[in-house]
Amino acid sequence: MRHLIPNPVARRLFLDRHALSEAPAGPASGQALHDLIERIGFVQVDSINTVARAHDMILWSRRQSYRPPALKRLLERDRTMWEHWTHDASILPTRLHGVWQHRFQRDEQRLEANWKRWFRDGYQAQFDIILNRIAKDGPLGTADVGEGEVRGRGGWWDWHPSKTALEWLWRTGRLAITRRDGFAKIYDLTERVIPEALRAPVPEDA
């Protein structure tokens, strides 16, 4: 038997699930901020900064005591949040890292088929070079790689091979974002970013 939810009830459920049905008051740091993000599932990260960045506006609209350094602490100090890909770059509870192992595998297969068409040749040769450099020298961003490589002029997605390799290694789970400088992603080895004690086990496929 199929159960139907009337539109007014569905709207109320949606607003409650997204923490928009109550007054935007209360604490918005530490565990309280963590619990808020758990409640809404994730927070999209956006580079556009006309008034404020999207993730800050999303959280402020639900708790007007929110300030951006509180999110930075969860991400970069406490490590109870991490950044990866949902429909776009997003901030997620670290406990989901185990679930994301399945996504890393699927994305690797999909990206291997598509990125050879989308990006210039040479990025695959950079995988081990970049991983070894980060392992030896520590975190780095796109401004630290690509020395001597031709930089494209075809817009945002015309990346040089090392930039493409960094994104591939991030999207497939070898690297993780340890922090952002301004809005630039700084990558490190995943095992140095995601604390083992906070990871959930990888679930079965079923």
C-alpha atoms as a PDB file:
ATOM      1  CA  MET A   1       0.000   0.000   0.000  1.00  0.00           C
ATOM      2  CA  ARG A   2       1.359   3.394  -0.981  1.00  0.00           C
ATOM      3  CA  HIS A   3       1.196   6.164   1.606  1.00  0.00           C
ATOM      4  CA  LEU A   4       0.773   9.739   0.392  1.00  0.00           C
ATOM      5  CA  ILE A   5       2.064  12.740   2.326  1.00  0.00           C
ATOM      6  CA  PRO A   6       0.020  15.925   1.799  1.00  0.00           C
ATOM      7  CA  ASN A   7       1.994  18.875   0.484  1.00  0.00           C
ATOM      8  CA  PRO A   8       1.710  20.968   3.688  1.00  0.00           C
ATOM      9  CA  VAL A   9       3.076  18.071   5.738  1.00  0.00           C
ATOM     10  CA  ALA A  10       5.860  17.424   3.210  1.00  0.00           C
ATOM     11  CA  ARG A  11       6.870  21.081   3.354  1.00  0.00           C
ATOM     12  CA  ARG A  12       7.003  21.027   7.137  1.00  0.00           C
ATOM     13  CA  LEU A  13       9.074  17.829   7.104  1.00  0.00           C
ATOM     14  CA  PHE A  14      11.497  19.328   4.585  1.00  0.00           C
ATOM     15  CA  LEU A  15      11.951  22.527   6.578  1.00  0.00           C
ATOM     16  CA  ASP A  16      12.467  20.614   9.811  1.00  0.00           C
ATOM     17  CA  ARG A  17      14.950  18.194   8.239  1.00  0.00           C
ATOM     18  CA  HIS A  18      16.984  21.146   6.974  1.00  0.00           C
ATOM     19  CA  ALA A  19      16.861  22.965  10.323  1.00  0.00           C
ATOM     20  CA  LEU A  20      14.809  25.833   8.917  1.00  0.00           C
ATOM     21  CA  SER A  21      11.612  25.353  10.890  1.00  0.00           C
ATOM     22  CA  GLU A  22      12.834  26.934  14.117  1.00  0.00           C
ATOM     23  CA  ALA A  23      14.267  30.289  15.069  1.00  0.00           C
ATOM     24  CA  PRO A  24      17.924  30.675  13.961  1.00  0.00           C
ATOM     25  CA  ALA A  25      19.190  30.801  17.522  1.00  0.00           C
ATOM     26  CA  GLY A  26      21.427  28.729  19.761  1.00  0.00           C
ATOM     27  CA  PRO A  27      25.106  27.761  19.857  1.00  0.00           C
ATOM     28  CA  ALA A  28      27.010  27.254  16.609  1.00  0.00           C
ATOM     29  CA  SER A  29      30.461  26.029  17.504  1.00  0.00           C
ATOM     30  CA  GLY A  30      32.072  22.805  18.646  1.00  0.00           C
ATOM     31  CA  GLN A  31      29.684  19.904  19.148  1.00  0.00           C
ATOM     32  CA  ALA A  32      26.623  22.071  18.478  1.00  0.00           C
ATOM     33  CA  LEU A  33      27.908  23.000  15.020  1.00  0.00           C
ATOM     34  CA  HIS A  34      28.904  19.399  14.366  1.00  0.00           C
ATOM     35  CA  ASP A  35      25.392  18.240  15.278  1.00  0.00           C
ATOM     36  CA  LEU A  36      23.832  20.854  13.002  1.00  0.00           C
ATOM     37  CA  ILE A  37      25.847  19.650   9.997  1.00  0.00           C
ATOM     38  CA  GLU A  38      24.998  16.040  10.866  1.00  0.00           C
ATOM     39  CA  ARG A  39      21.325  17.028  10.888  1.00  0.00           C
ATOM     40  CA  ILE A  40      21.342  18.652   7.460  1.00  0.00           C
ATOM     41  CA  GLY A  41      23.710  16.010   6.042  1.00  0.00           C
ATOM     42  CA  PHE A  42      26.411  18.144   4.441  1.00  0.00           C
ATOM     43  CA  VAL A  43      27.218  21.741   3.551  1.00  0.00           C
ATOM     44  CA  GLN A  44      28.161  22.713   0.007  1.00  0.00           C
ATOM     45  CA  VAL A  45      31.411  24.663  -0.378  1.00  0.00           C
ATOM     46  CA  ASP A  46      31.299  27.485  -2.908  1.00  0.00           C
ATOM     47  CA  SER A  47      34.000  29.830  -4.172  1.00  0.00           C
ATOM     48  CA  ILE A  48      31.534  32.657  -4.861  1.00  0.00           C
ATOM     49  CA  ASN A  49      31.874  35.330  -2.205  1.00  0.00           C
ATOM     50  CA  THR A  50      29.527  38.194  -3.123  1.00  0.00           C
ATOM     51  CA  VAL A  51      28.084  38.563   0.393  1.00  0.00           C
ATOM     52  CA  ALA A  52      29.733  35.565   2.051  1.00  0.00           C
ATOM     53  CA  ARG A  53      30.665  32.077   0.973  1.00  0.00           C
ATOM     54  CA  ALA A  54      27.764  29.665   0.527  1.00  0.00           C
ATOM     55  CA  HIS A  55      28.728  27.314   3.352  1.00  0.00           C
ATOM     56  CA  ASP A  56      28.940  30.215   5.802  1.00  0.00           C
ATOM     57  CA  MET A  57      25.560  31.572   4.666  1.00  0.00           C
ATOM     58  CA  ILE A  58      23.946  28.131   4.957  1.00  0.00           C
ATOM     59  CA  LEU A  59      25.108  27.736   8.550  1.00  0.00           C
ATOM     60  CA  TRP A  60      24.427  31.343   9.569  1.00  0.00           C
ATOM     61  CA  SER A  61      20.862  31.128   8.242  1.00  0.00           C
ATOM     62  CA  ARG A  62      20.251  28.319  10.737  1.00  0.00           C
ATOM     63  CA  ARG A  63      22.281  29.657  13.687  1.00  0.00           C
ATOM     64  CA  GLN A  64      22.965  33.365  13.649  1.00  0.00           C
ATOM     65  CA  SER A  65      25.629  32.952  16.328  1.00  0.00           C
ATOM     66  CA  TYR A  66      27.700  31.060  13.722  1.00  0.00           C
ATOM     67  CA  ARG A  67      31.114  32.435  12.797  1.00  0.00           C
ATOM     68  CA  PRO A  68      33.417  30.940  10.102  1.00  0.00           C
ATOM     69  CA  PRO A  69      36.342  30.128  12.457  1.00  0.00           C
ATOM     70  CA  ALA A  70      34.103  27.587  14.213  1.00  0.00           C
ATOM     71  CA  LEU A  71      33.805  25.539  11.018  1.00  0.00           C
ATOM     72  CA  LYS A  72      37.522  25.889  10.347  1.00  0.00           C
ATOM     73  CA  ARG A  73      38.241  24.345  13.757  1.00  0.00           C
ATOM     74  CA  LEU A  74      36.060  21.320  13.031  1.00  0.00           C
ATOM     75  CA  LEU A  75      37.758  20.815   9.680  1.00  0.00           C
ATOM     76  CA  GLU A  76      41.389  21.618  10.420  1.00  0.00           C
ATOM     77  CA  ARG A  77      41.885  20.982  14.137  1.00  0.00           C
ATOM     78  CA  ASP A  78      39.257  18.555  15.451  1.00  0.00           C
ATOM     79  CA  ARG A  79      38.968  16.712  12.097  1.00  0.00           C
ATOM     80  CA  THR A  80      35.376  15.716  12.849  1.00  0.00           C
ATOM     81  CA  MET A  81      34.468  17.176   9.437  1.00  0.00           C
ATOM     82  CA  TRP A  82      36.181  16.656   6.096  1.00  0.00           C
ATOM     83  CA  GLU A  83      35.741  17.933   2.577  1.00  0.00           C
ATOM     84  CA  HIS A  84      34.871  15.888  -0.456  1.00  0.00           C
ATOM     85  CA  TRP A  85      32.436  15.571  -3.333  1.00  0.00           C
ATOM     86  CA  THR A  86      28.662  15.087  -3.165  1.00  0.00           C
ATOM     87  CA  HIS A  87      27.075  16.839  -6.153  1.00  0.00           C
ATOM     88  CA  ASP A  88      29.824  19.433  -5.635  1.00  0.00           C
ATOM     89  CA  ALA A  89      32.592  20.100  -3.129  1.00  0.00           C
ATOM     90  CA  SER A  90      31.021  19.726   0.312  1.00  0.00           C
ATOM     91  CA  ILE A  91      31.785  19.505   4.018  1.00  0.00           C
ATOM     92  CA  LEU A  92      30.767  16.162   5.511  1.00  0.00           C
ATOM     93  CA  PRO A  93      30.960  14.378   8.866  1.00  0.00           C
ATOM     94  CA  THR A  94      34.197  12.395   9.071  1.00  0.00           C
ATOM     95  CA  ARG A  95      32.262   9.285  10.076  1.00  0.00           C
ATOM     96  CA  LEU A  96      31.140   9.029   6.431  1.00  0.00           C
ATOM     97  CA  HIS A  97      34.694   8.493   5.186  1.00  0.00           C
ATOM     98  CA  GLY A  98      34.233   4.729   5.284  1.00  0.00           C
ATOM     99  CA  VAL A  99      31.104   4.943   3.137  1.00  0.00           C
ATOM    100  CA  TRP A 100      32.975   7.112   0.633  1.00  0.00           C
ATOM    101  CA  GLN A 101      35.443   4.282  -0.118  1.00  0.00           C
ATOM    102  CA  HIS A 102      32.826   2.840  -2.460  1.00  0.00           C
ATOM    103  CA  ARG A 103      32.464   6.207  -4.164  1.00  0.00           C
ATOM    104  CA  PHE A 104      36.238   6.494  -4.600  1.00  0.00           C
ATOM    105  CA  GLN A 105      36.248   3.200  -6.496  1.00  0.00           C
ATOM    106  CA  ARG A 106      33.317   4.160  -8.713  1.00  0.00           C
ATOM    107  CA  ASP A 107      34.736   7.616  -9.399  1.00  0.00           C
ATOM    108  CA  GLU A 108      38.086   6.186 -10.420  1.00  0.00           C
ATOM    109  CA  GLN A 109      36.446   4.048 -13.087  1.00  0.00           C
ATOM    110  CA  ARG A 110      34.298   6.926 -14.328  1.00  0.00           C
ATOM    111  CA  LEU A 111      37.086   9.507 -14.287  1.00  0.00           C
ATOM    112  CA  GLU A 112      39.468   7.206 -16.105  1.00  0.00           C
ATOM    113  CA  ALA A 113      36.982   6.997 -18.956  1.00  0.00           C
ATOM    114  CA  ASN A 114      36.201  10.720 -19.083  1.00  0.00           C
ATOM    115  CA  TRP A 115      39.302  12.630 -18.039  1.00  0.00           C
ATOM    116  CA  LYS A 116      41.337  11.320 -20.948  1.00  0.00           C
ATOM    117  CA  ARG A 117      38.882  13.210 -23.159  1.00  0.00           C
ATOM    118  CA  TRP A 118      38.541  16.274 -20.953  1.00  0.00           C
ATOM    119  CA  PHE A 119      42.130  17.038 -19.956  1.00  0.00           C
ATOM    120  CA  ARG A 120      45.484  17.178 -21.642  1.00  0.00           C
ATOM    121  CA  ASP A 121      47.852  14.199 -21.634  1.00  0.00           C
ATOM    122  CA  GLY A 122      50.498  13.715 -18.973  1.00  0.00           C
ATOM    123  CA  TYR A 123      48.560  13.941 -15.734  1.00  0.00           C
ATOM    124  CA  GLN A 124      48.723  10.205 -15.014  1.00  0.00           C
ATOM    125  CA  ALA A 125      52.526  10.356 -15.053  1.00  0.00           C
ATOM    126  CA  GLN A 126      52.317  12.829 -12.166  1.00  0.00           C
ATOM    127  CA  PHE A 127      50.489  10.528  -9.745  1.00  0.00           C
ATOM    128  CA  ASP A 128      53.516   8.947  -8.069  1.00  0.00           C
ATOM    129  CA  ILE A 129      55.582  12.127  -8.339  1.00  0.00           C
ATOM    130  CA  ILE A 130      53.001  14.167  -6.457  1.00  0.00           C
ATOM    131  CA  LEU A 131      52.258  11.462  -3.875  1.00  0.00           C
ATOM    132  CA  ASN A 132      55.947  10.998  -3.125  1.00  0.00           C
ATOM    133  CA  ARG A 133      56.520  14.737  -2.899  1.00  0.00           C
ATOM    134  CA  ILE A 134      53.668  15.208  -0.432  1.00  0.00           C
ATOM    135  CA  ALA A 135      54.796  12.211   1.621  1.00  0.00           C
ATOM    136  CA  LYS A 136      58.300  13.693   1.854  1.00  0.00           C
ATOM    137  CA  ASP A 137      57.685  17.454   1.998  1.00  0.00           C
ATOM    138  CA  GLY A 138      54.186  17.752   3.438  1.00  0.00           C
ATOM    139  CA  PRO A 139      50.978  19.432   2.219  1.00  0.00           C
ATOM    140  CA  LEU A 140      50.871  21.434  -0.987  1.00  0.00           C
ATOM    141  CA  GLY A 141      48.438  23.207  -3.269  1.00  0.00           C
ATOM    142  CA  THR A 142      48.155  23.801  -6.974  1.00  0.00           C
ATOM    143  CA  ALA A 143      50.406  26.850  -6.747  1.00  0.00           C
ATOM    144  CA  ASP A 144      53.217  24.531  -5.575  1.00  0.00           C
ATOM    145  CA  VAL A 145      53.114  22.153  -8.549  1.00  0.00           C
ATOM    146  CA  GLY A 146      53.332  22.345 -12.296  1.00  0.00           C
ATOM    147  CA  GLU A 147      56.748  23.970 -12.562  1.00  0.00           C
ATOM    148  CA  GLY A 148      57.632  24.150 -16.245  1.00  0.00           C
ATOM    149  CA  GLU A 149      54.302  22.731 -17.387  1.00  0.00           C
ATOM    150  CA  VAL A 150      52.285  24.574 -19.979  1.00  0.00           C
ATOM    151  CA  ARG A 151      49.318  26.270 -18.358  1.00  0.00           C
ATOM    152  CA  GLY A 152      46.201  26.289 -20.481  1.00  0.00           C
ATOM    153  CA  ARG A 153      44.277  29.288 -21.672  1.00  0.00           C
ATOM    154  CA  GLY A 154      40.995  27.509 -22.223  1.00  0.00           C
ATOM    155  CA  GLY A 155      39.258  28.582 -19.039  1.00  0.00           C
ATOM    156  CA  TRP A 156      38.850  27.115 -15.575  1.00  0.00           C
ATOM    157  CA  TRP A 157      39.039  23.482 -16.656  1.00  0.00           C
ATOM    158  CA  ASP A 158      42.123  23.729 -18.875  1.00  0.00           C
ATOM    159  CA  TRP A 159      44.375  22.488 -16.097  1.00  0.00           C
ATOM    160  CA  HIS A 160      48.053  21.657 -16.411  1.00  0.00           C
ATOM    161  CA  PRO A 161      48.918  17.961 -15.767  1.00  0.00           C
ATOM    162  CA  SER A 162      49.961  18.345 -12.116  1.00  0.00           C
ATOM    163  CA  LYS A 163      46.783  20.229 -11.194  1.00  0.00           C
ATOM    164  CA  THR A 164      44.750  17.532 -12.916  1.00  0.00           C
ATOM    165  CA  ALA A 165      46.682  14.840 -11.035  1.00  0.00           C
ATOM    166  CA  LEU A 166      46.035  16.555  -7.691  1.00  0.00           C
ATOM    167  CA  GLU A 167      42.303  16.642  -8.370  1.00  0.00           C
ATOM    168  CA  TRP A 168      42.291  13.014  -9.528  1.00  0.00           C
ATOM    169  CA  LEU A 169      44.135  11.867  -6.404  1.00  0.00           C
ATOM    170  CA  TRP A 170      41.693  13.819  -4.238  1.00  0.00           C
ATOM    171  CA  ARG A 171      38.568  12.611  -6.028  1.00  0.00           C
ATOM    172  CA  THR A 172      39.735   8.985  -5.760  1.00  0.00           C
ATOM    173  CA  GLY A 173      40.702   9.172  -2.086  1.00  0.00           C
ATOM    174  CA  ARG A 174      44.511   9.082  -2.139  1.00  0.00           C
ATOM    175  CA  LEU A 175      44.713  12.693  -1.010  1.00  0.00           C
ATOM    176  CA  ALA A 176      42.499  14.750   1.278  1.00  0.00           C
ATOM    177  CA  ILE A 177      42.140  18.476   1.854  1.00  0.00           C
ATOM    178  CA  THR A 178      43.982  19.376   5.026  1.00  0.00           C
ATOM    179  CA  ARG A 179      43.038  23.082   4.909  1.00  0.00           C
ATOM    180  CA  ARG A 180      42.228  25.947   2.599  1.00  0.00           C
ATOM    181  CA  ASP A 181      44.462  28.972   2.251  1.00  0.00           C
ATOM    182  CA  GLY A 182      42.053  31.699   1.252  1.00  0.00           C
ATOM    183  CA  PHE A 183      39.943  29.446  -0.891  1.00  0.00           C
ATOM    184  CA  ALA A 184      42.797  27.395  -2.387  1.00  0.00           C
ATOM    185  CA  LYS A 185      42.752  23.690  -1.491  1.00  0.00           C
ATOM    186  CA  ILE A 186      45.845  22.377   0.293  1.00  0.00           C
ATOM    187  CA  TYR A 187      46.257  18.622  -0.069  1.00  0.00           C
ATOM    188  CA  ASP A 188      47.927  16.017   2.129  1.00  0.00           C
ATOM    189  CA  LEU A 189      48.006  12.237   2.310  1.00  0.00           C
ATOM    190  CA  THR A 190      44.597  10.987   3.389  1.00  0.00           C
ATOM    191  CA  GLU A 191      46.005   9.045   6.332  1.00  0.00           C
ATOM    192  CA  ARG A 192      47.438  12.272   7.731  1.00  0.00           C
ATOM    193  CA  VAL A 193      44.116  14.154   7.408  1.00  0.00           C
ATOM    194  CA  ILE A 194      41.416  11.654   8.376  1.00  0.00           C
ATOM    195  CA  PRO A 195      42.124  10.322  11.899  1.00  0.00           C
ATOM    196  CA  GLU A 196      41.818   6.562  11.977  1.00  0.00           C
ATOM    197  CA  ALA A 197      39.939   6.753  15.281  1.00  0.00           C
ATOM    198  CA  LEU A 198      37.176   8.792  13.626  1.00  0.00           C
ATOM    199  CA  ARG A 199      36.686   6.607  10.573  1.00  0.00           C
ATOM    200  CA  ALA A 200      33.765   4.244  10.346  1.00  0.00           C
ATOM    201  CA  PRO A 201      34.432   0.797   8.848  1.00  0.00           C
ATOM    202  CA  VAL A 202      33.865   0.358   5.147  1.00  0.00           C
ATOM    203  CA  PRO A 203      30.376  -1.148   4.752  1.00  0.00           C
ATOM    204  CA  GLU A 204      29.585  -4.093   2.528  1.00  0.00           C
ATOM    205  CA  ASP A 205      28.388  -3.264  -0.983  1.00  0.00           C
ATOM    206  CA  ALA A 206      24.856  -4.356  -0.125  1.00  0.00           C
END
